[in-house]
Protein backbone atom coordinates (compact mmCIF):
# COMPACT_ATOMS: atom_id res chain seq x y z
CA MET A 1 29.37 -36.81 -11.29
CA LYS A 2 33.09 -36.79 -11.88
CA ALA A 3 35.75 -39.45 -12.05
CA ILE A 4 38.81 -39.25 -9.79
CA GLY A 5 41.83 -41.42 -9.35
CA SER A 6 44.90 -42.61 -11.40
CA LYS A 7 44.57 -43.79 -15.06
CA GLY A 8 43.59 -47.39 -14.31
CA HIS A 9 41.63 -46.97 -11.08
CA LYS A 10 39.02 -44.37 -11.67
CA ARG A 11 35.93 -44.28 -9.56
CA LEU A 12 32.81 -42.07 -9.75
CA VAL A 13 32.23 -39.47 -7.07
CA ASP A 14 28.73 -38.23 -6.57
CA GLU A 15 29.19 -34.91 -4.72
CA ILE A 16 27.37 -31.67 -5.24
CA ASN A 17 29.40 -29.06 -6.99
CA SER A 18 28.84 -26.17 -4.57
CA THR A 19 30.28 -23.34 -6.77
CA PRO A 20 27.14 -22.98 -9.07
CA LEU A 21 24.93 -23.24 -6.05
CA THR A 22 26.84 -20.54 -4.27
CA ASP A 23 26.67 -18.33 -7.40
CA VAL A 24 22.86 -18.73 -7.54
CA PHE A 25 22.57 -17.76 -3.81
CA LEU A 26 24.80 -14.63 -4.39
CA VAL A 27 22.73 -13.52 -7.32
CA LEU A 28 19.47 -13.86 -5.33
CA LEU A 29 21.05 -12.01 -2.45
CA ILE A 30 21.93 -9.14 -4.64
CA ILE A 31 18.43 -9.02 -6.22
CA MET A 32 16.88 -9.01 -2.70
CA MET A 33 19.25 -6.18 -1.67
CA VAL A 34 18.20 -4.15 -4.61
CA VAL A 35 14.42 -4.84 -4.35
CA ALA A 36 14.03 -4.54 -0.59
CA PRO A 37 14.50 -0.69 -0.37
CA MET A 38 11.95 -0.25 -3.18
CA LEU A 39 9.42 -2.12 -1.16
CA LYS A 40 9.74 0.24 1.70
CA MET A 41 8.95 3.23 -0.52
CA THR A 42 5.29 2.23 -0.85
CA ARG A 43 3.02 2.14 2.16
CA THR A 44 1.83 -1.40 2.31
CA ASP A 45 0.04 -1.07 5.77
CA ILE A 46 -2.97 0.82 4.14
CA ILE A 47 -5.50 -1.23 2.28
CA PRO A 48 -8.34 0.95 1.05
CA PRO A 49 -11.90 -0.26 1.07
CA VAL A 50 -13.24 -1.43 -2.32
CA VAL A 51 -16.33 0.24 -3.98
CA ASN A 52 -18.12 0.06 -7.34
CA GLY A 53 -17.30 3.14 -9.30
CA GLY A 54 -15.06 6.20 -8.66
CA SER A 55 -12.00 7.86 -10.32
CA PRO A 56 -8.37 7.60 -9.72
CA ILE A 57 -6.69 9.89 -7.16
CA GLU A 58 -4.95 13.01 -8.56
CA LYS A 59 -1.59 13.91 -6.90
CA VAL A 60 -2.30 17.68 -6.93
CA ARG A 61 -4.06 17.71 -3.58
CA LEU A 62 -2.93 17.13 -0.02
CA VAL A 63 -3.06 13.43 0.95
CA VAL A 64 -3.73 12.33 4.53
CA GLU A 65 -3.15 8.64 5.20
CA ILE A 66 -4.53 6.66 8.12
CA THR A 67 -3.20 3.16 9.00
CA ARG A 68 -5.32 0.49 10.69
CA ASP A 69 -3.55 1.11 14.00
CA GLY A 70 -4.46 4.81 13.94
CA ARG A 71 -1.23 6.48 12.74
CA TYR A 72 -1.59 9.54 10.58
CA PHE A 73 0.62 10.54 7.72
CA VAL A 74 0.20 14.02 6.20
CA ASP A 75 1.73 14.15 2.73
CA GLY A 76 3.88 11.08 3.56
CA GLU A 77 5.20 12.25 6.97
CA GLU A 78 3.95 10.70 10.21
CA THR A 79 2.07 13.31 12.29
CA ASN A 80 0.92 13.31 15.89
CA PRO A 81 -2.91 13.38 16.08
CA ALA A 82 -2.84 16.47 18.23
CA ASP A 83 -0.89 18.36 15.65
CA LEU A 84 -2.92 17.15 12.60
CA ALA A 85 -4.58 20.45 11.80
CA THR A 86 -1.30 22.38 12.00
CA ALA A 87 0.50 19.88 9.83
CA MET A 88 -2.39 19.99 7.30
CA HIS A 89 -2.40 23.73 7.19
CA ASP A 90 1.47 23.87 6.76
CA LYS A 91 1.61 21.20 4.01
CA GLY A 92 -1.60 22.42 2.40
CA SER A 93 -0.18 25.88 1.69
CA ALA A 94 1.94 24.32 -1.03
CA PHE A 95 -1.08 23.28 -3.09
CA THR A 96 -3.15 25.65 -5.18
CA GLU A 97 -6.49 23.79 -4.42
CA LYS A 98 -7.75 23.71 -0.78
CA ASP A 99 -8.73 20.01 -1.15
CA VAL A 100 -7.60 17.05 0.97
CA ILE A 101 -7.78 13.43 0.08
CA ILE A 102 -8.19 10.99 3.01
CA GLN A 103 -6.79 7.55 2.32
CA ALA A 104 -7.62 5.26 5.19
CA ASP A 105 -7.14 1.58 5.70
CA ARG A 106 -10.45 -0.41 5.51
CA LEU A 107 -9.93 -1.48 9.13
CA ALA A 108 -9.18 2.01 10.45
CA LYS A 109 -11.65 3.26 13.09
CA SER A 110 -14.23 5.76 11.82
CA GLY A 111 -13.22 8.10 14.62
CA ALA A 112 -9.77 8.39 13.11
CA VAL A 113 -11.34 9.44 9.76
CA LEU A 114 -13.67 11.94 11.53
CA ARG A 115 -10.67 13.38 13.34
CA VAL A 116 -9.11 14.23 9.92
CA PHE A 117 -12.36 15.85 8.87
CA ASP A 118 -12.34 18.07 11.95
CA ALA A 119 -8.65 19.02 11.43
CA ALA A 120 -9.21 19.76 7.71
CA ARG A 121 -12.16 22.08 8.68
CA GLU A 122 -9.81 23.75 11.14
CA ALA A 123 -7.06 24.05 8.57
CA GLU A 124 -9.61 25.71 6.23
CA PHE A 125 -9.78 23.02 3.54
CA GLU A 126 -12.82 23.46 1.26
CA THR A 127 -13.28 19.85 -0.01
CA MET A 128 -12.57 16.47 1.59
CA THR A 129 -12.50 13.29 -0.40
CA VAL A 130 -12.34 9.79 0.99
CA ALA A 131 -10.17 7.63 -1.40
CA VAL A 132 -11.32 4.02 -2.09
CA GLU A 133 -10.22 1.26 -4.35
CA THR A 134 -12.56 0.64 -7.21
CA LEU A 135 -13.89 -2.70 -8.24
CA SER A 136 -12.91 -4.12 -11.68
CA LYS A 137 -15.71 -3.77 -14.21
CA GLN A 138 -16.13 -7.59 -14.45
CA ARG A 139 -16.37 -7.96 -10.61
CA ALA A 140 -18.88 -5.10 -10.48
CA GLU A 141 -21.07 -6.90 -13.04
CA GLU A 142 -20.85 -10.12 -11.08
CA LEU A 143 -22.01 -8.40 -7.95
CA ASP A 144 -24.89 -6.67 -9.83
CA LYS A 145 -26.11 -10.09 -11.00
CA THR A 146 -25.96 -11.70 -7.53
CA PRO A 147 -29.41 -11.63 -5.86
CA ALA A 148 -29.65 -9.67 -2.60
CA PRO A 149 -30.29 -11.78 0.48
CA GLU A 150 -33.76 -11.77 1.96
CA GLY A 151 -34.52 -8.69 3.97
CA HIS A 152 -31.91 -6.56 2.11
CA ALA A 153 -32.84 -4.15 -0.68
CA ALA A 154 -30.71 -4.40 -3.90
CA THR A 155 -28.69 -1.39 -4.65
């Protein structure tokens, strides 16, 4: 609050000082403008399935990504499903190993994954790996301790 008026007749004014408020909003706007392009660089529309075990993906092989709505990305570039084998063959020539990593969303149709297997075979890839997200060690131990429901065998 601030006091306004002449020497003898001052009164308190309880108004919000909007200058610091504006400064805060401008700083937040600048932060969002810097962070937003970085968020676009990662593919957030692919959520891999979670499994117990596995090893991290090496970036020395060709990566084919499949979104939940059936779009294909070969080494980061969107590809028409009809041209999948050609795109994989062209991009795969840059890698020394004839391996392909298939990274599909957990809600992607299995037919979309099989289409990549067929295209990889047509493009003469030797090994195909389906990428998954591994469980944390603590969560894996929790699942191992949980009894299996009746009628299901424990794994």
